Amino acid sequence: MRTIDLILMLNDFNKNNRVIVETAEGRLAVVDLEIVDDAVYLKTSSKLRGLKNWEFLLLLNKKPYYNFPVFYDDTKKHQQLFGFRIADDCILLG
């Protein structure tokens, strides 16, 4: 998924929902992002509460990032983000 597509979809949801990455092993809170080689990589943590939707959008919404793909870590490898769902007042990316 491209960054601009994710931004446009997340704008429709509650700004105070937490942003979480959902993997086969469990849920990880998104705490930051990193730009490497024209791609956005989500930094996650199992110990922190994570970013709220408005904080996440503030970090993502930069014009140079719009066409970058979004990735997250999943068991020692990077997976591209393909979508999300809403559950338990959280935005679950996956």
C-alpha atoms as a PDB file:
ATOM      1  CA  MET A   1       0.000   0.000   0.000  1.00  0.00           C
ATOM      2  CA  ARG A   2       1.226   3.476  -0.809  1.00  0.00           C
ATOM      3  CA  THR A   3       1.479   6.080   1.926  1.00  0.00           C
ATOM      4  CA  ILE A   4      -1.067   8.433   0.317  1.00  0.00           C
ATOM      5  CA  ASP A   5      -3.656   5.626   0.112  1.00  0.00           C
ATOM      6  CA  LEU A   6      -3.184   4.841   3.807  1.00  0.00           C
ATOM      7  CA  ILE A   7      -3.476   8.531   4.753  1.00  0.00           C
ATOM      8  CA  LEU A   8      -6.698   8.967   2.797  1.00  0.00           C
ATOM      9  CA  MET A   9      -8.298   5.897   4.376  1.00  0.00           C
ATOM     10  CA  LEU A  10      -7.229   6.708   7.951  1.00  0.00           C
ATOM     11  CA  ASN A  11      -8.633  10.245   7.731  1.00  0.00           C
ATOM     12  CA  ASP A  12     -12.153   8.784   8.039  1.00  0.00           C
ATOM     13  CA  PHE A  13     -11.561   7.185  11.443  1.00  0.00           C
ATOM     14  CA  ASN A  14     -11.441   8.423  15.022  1.00  0.00           C
ATOM     15  CA  LYS A  15      -8.301  10.473  15.595  1.00  0.00           C
ATOM     16  CA  ASN A  16      -7.794   8.962  19.080  1.00  0.00           C
ATOM     17  CA  ASN A  17      -7.748   5.294  17.999  1.00  0.00           C
ATOM     18  CA  ARG A  18      -4.408   3.599  18.604  1.00  0.00           C
ATOM     19  CA  VAL A  19      -2.462   2.323  15.581  1.00  0.00           C
ATOM     20  CA  ILE A  20      -1.437  -1.331  15.960  1.00  0.00           C
ATOM     21  CA  VAL A  21       0.277  -3.829  13.640  1.00  0.00           C
ATOM     22  CA  GLU A  22      -1.435  -7.208  13.705  1.00  0.00           C
ATOM     23  CA  THR A  23       0.823 -10.179  12.953  1.00  0.00           C
ATOM     24  CA  ALA A  24       0.411 -13.931  13.257  1.00  0.00           C
ATOM     25  CA  GLU A  25       2.262 -13.786  16.592  1.00  0.00           C
ATOM     26  CA  GLY A  26       0.138 -10.990  18.080  1.00  0.00           C
ATOM     27  CA  ARG A  27      -0.322  -7.243  18.147  1.00  0.00           C
ATOM     28  CA  LEU A  28       2.474  -4.670  18.213  1.00  0.00           C
ATOM     29  CA  ALA A  29       2.002  -0.951  18.836  1.00  0.00           C
ATOM     30  CA  VAL A  30       3.319   1.441  16.179  1.00  0.00           C
ATOM     31  CA  VAL A  31       5.652   3.867  17.977  1.00  0.00           C
ATOM     32  CA  ASP A  32       7.525   5.578  15.132  1.00  0.00           C
ATOM     33  CA  LEU A  33       8.408   5.322  11.475  1.00  0.00           C
ATOM     34  CA  GLU A  34      11.635   5.293   9.509  1.00  0.00           C
ATOM     35  CA  ILE A  35      12.291   6.215   5.884  1.00  0.00           C
ATOM     36  CA  VAL A  36      14.812   3.952   4.124  1.00  0.00           C
ATOM     37  CA  ASP A  37      15.423   3.715   0.370  1.00  0.00           C
ATOM     38  CA  ASP A  38      12.144   5.331  -0.687  1.00  0.00           C
ATOM     39  CA  ALA A  39      10.005   3.212   1.650  1.00  0.00           C
ATOM     40  CA  VAL A  40       8.272   3.795   4.984  1.00  0.00           C
ATOM     41  CA  TYR A  41       9.061   1.265   7.727  1.00  0.00           C
ATOM     42  CA  LEU A  42       6.878   1.189  10.825  1.00  0.00           C
ATOM     43  CA  LYS A  43       8.724   0.792  14.117  1.00  0.00           C
ATOM     44  CA  THR A  44       6.790  -1.291  16.614  1.00  0.00           C
ATOM     45  CA  SER A  45       6.953  -2.206  20.272  1.00  0.00           C
ATOM     46  CA  SER A  46       5.191  -4.736  22.443  1.00  0.00           C
ATOM     47  CA  LYS A  47       5.842  -2.671  25.587  1.00  0.00           C
ATOM     48  CA  LEU A  48       4.628   0.811  24.623  1.00  0.00           C
ATOM     49  CA  ARG A  49       1.058   2.013  24.046  1.00  0.00           C
ATOM     50  CA  GLY A  50       1.711   3.285  20.544  1.00  0.00           C
ATOM     51  CA  LEU A  51       0.708   6.280  18.494  1.00  0.00           C
ATOM     52  CA  LYS A  52      -2.814   7.587  18.168  1.00  0.00           C
ATOM     53  CA  ASN A  53      -4.241   7.959  14.681  1.00  0.00           C
ATOM     54  CA  TRP A  54      -3.705  11.745  14.593  1.00  0.00           C
ATOM     55  CA  GLU A  55      -0.045  11.359  15.673  1.00  0.00           C
ATOM     56  CA  PHE A  56       0.532   8.657  13.071  1.00  0.00           C
ATOM     57  CA  LEU A  57      -1.039  10.801  10.322  1.00  0.00           C
ATOM     58  CA  LEU A  58       1.102  13.751  11.365  1.00  0.00           C
ATOM     59  CA  LEU A  59       4.264  11.667  10.862  1.00  0.00           C
ATOM     60  CA  LEU A  60       3.095  10.179   7.537  1.00  0.00           C
ATOM     61  CA  ASN A  61       1.591  13.236   5.875  1.00  0.00           C
ATOM     62  CA  LYS A  62       4.639  14.625   4.090  1.00  0.00           C
ATOM     63  CA  LYS A  63       4.486  15.117   0.337  1.00  0.00           C
ATOM     64  CA  PRO A  64       7.813  13.341  -0.446  1.00  0.00           C
ATOM     65  CA  TYR A  65       6.459  10.154   1.244  1.00  0.00           C
ATOM     66  CA  TYR A  66       3.168   9.938  -0.720  1.00  0.00           C
ATOM     67  CA  ASN A  67       4.277   7.312  -3.265  1.00  0.00           C
ATOM     68  CA  PHE A  68       6.442   5.282  -0.873  1.00  0.00           C
ATOM     69  CA  PRO A  69       5.234   1.776   0.044  1.00  0.00           C
ATOM     70  CA  VAL A  70       4.602   1.060   3.734  1.00  0.00           C
ATOM     71  CA  PHE A  71       6.271  -1.931   5.441  1.00  0.00           C
ATOM     72  CA  TYR A  72       6.227  -3.443   8.938  1.00  0.00           C
ATOM     73  CA  ASP A  73       8.421  -6.025  10.662  1.00  0.00           C
ATOM     74  CA  ASP A  74       7.135  -9.575  10.929  1.00  0.00           C
ATOM     75  CA  THR A  75       9.414 -12.238  12.428  1.00  0.00           C
ATOM     76  CA  LYS A  76      12.770 -10.958  11.155  1.00  0.00           C
ATOM     77  CA  LYS A  77      11.540  -9.880   7.720  1.00  0.00           C
ATOM     78  CA  HIS A  78       9.661  -6.918   6.307  1.00  0.00           C
ATOM     79  CA  GLN A  79       6.103  -7.331   5.079  1.00  0.00           C
ATOM     80  CA  GLN A  80       4.314  -4.781   2.944  1.00  0.00           C
ATOM     81  CA  LEU A  81       1.176  -3.299   4.426  1.00  0.00           C
ATOM     82  CA  PHE A  82      -1.918  -4.317   2.451  1.00  0.00           C
ATOM     83  CA  GLY A  83      -4.803  -3.078   4.570  1.00  0.00           C
ATOM     84  CA  PHE A  84      -6.295  -2.611   7.995  1.00  0.00           C
ATOM     85  CA  ARG A  85      -9.386  -3.214  10.087  1.00  0.00           C
ATOM     86  CA  ILE A  86     -10.960  -1.546  13.114  1.00  0.00           C
ATOM     87  CA  ALA A  87     -11.434  -3.503  16.358  1.00  0.00           C
ATOM     88  CA  ASP A  88     -11.379  -2.697  20.095  1.00  0.00           C
ATOM     89  CA  ASP A  89     -11.011   1.055  19.383  1.00  0.00           C
ATOM     90  CA  CYS A  90      -7.764   0.325  17.524  1.00  0.00           C
ATOM     91  CA  ILE A  91      -6.682   0.537  13.910  1.00  0.00           C
ATOM     92  CA  LEU A  92      -5.139  -2.860  13.172  1.00  0.00           C
ATOM     93  CA  LEU A  93      -2.713  -2.706  10.256  1.00  0.00           C
ATOM     94  CA  GLY A  94      -1.757  -5.875   8.454  1.00  0.00           C
END
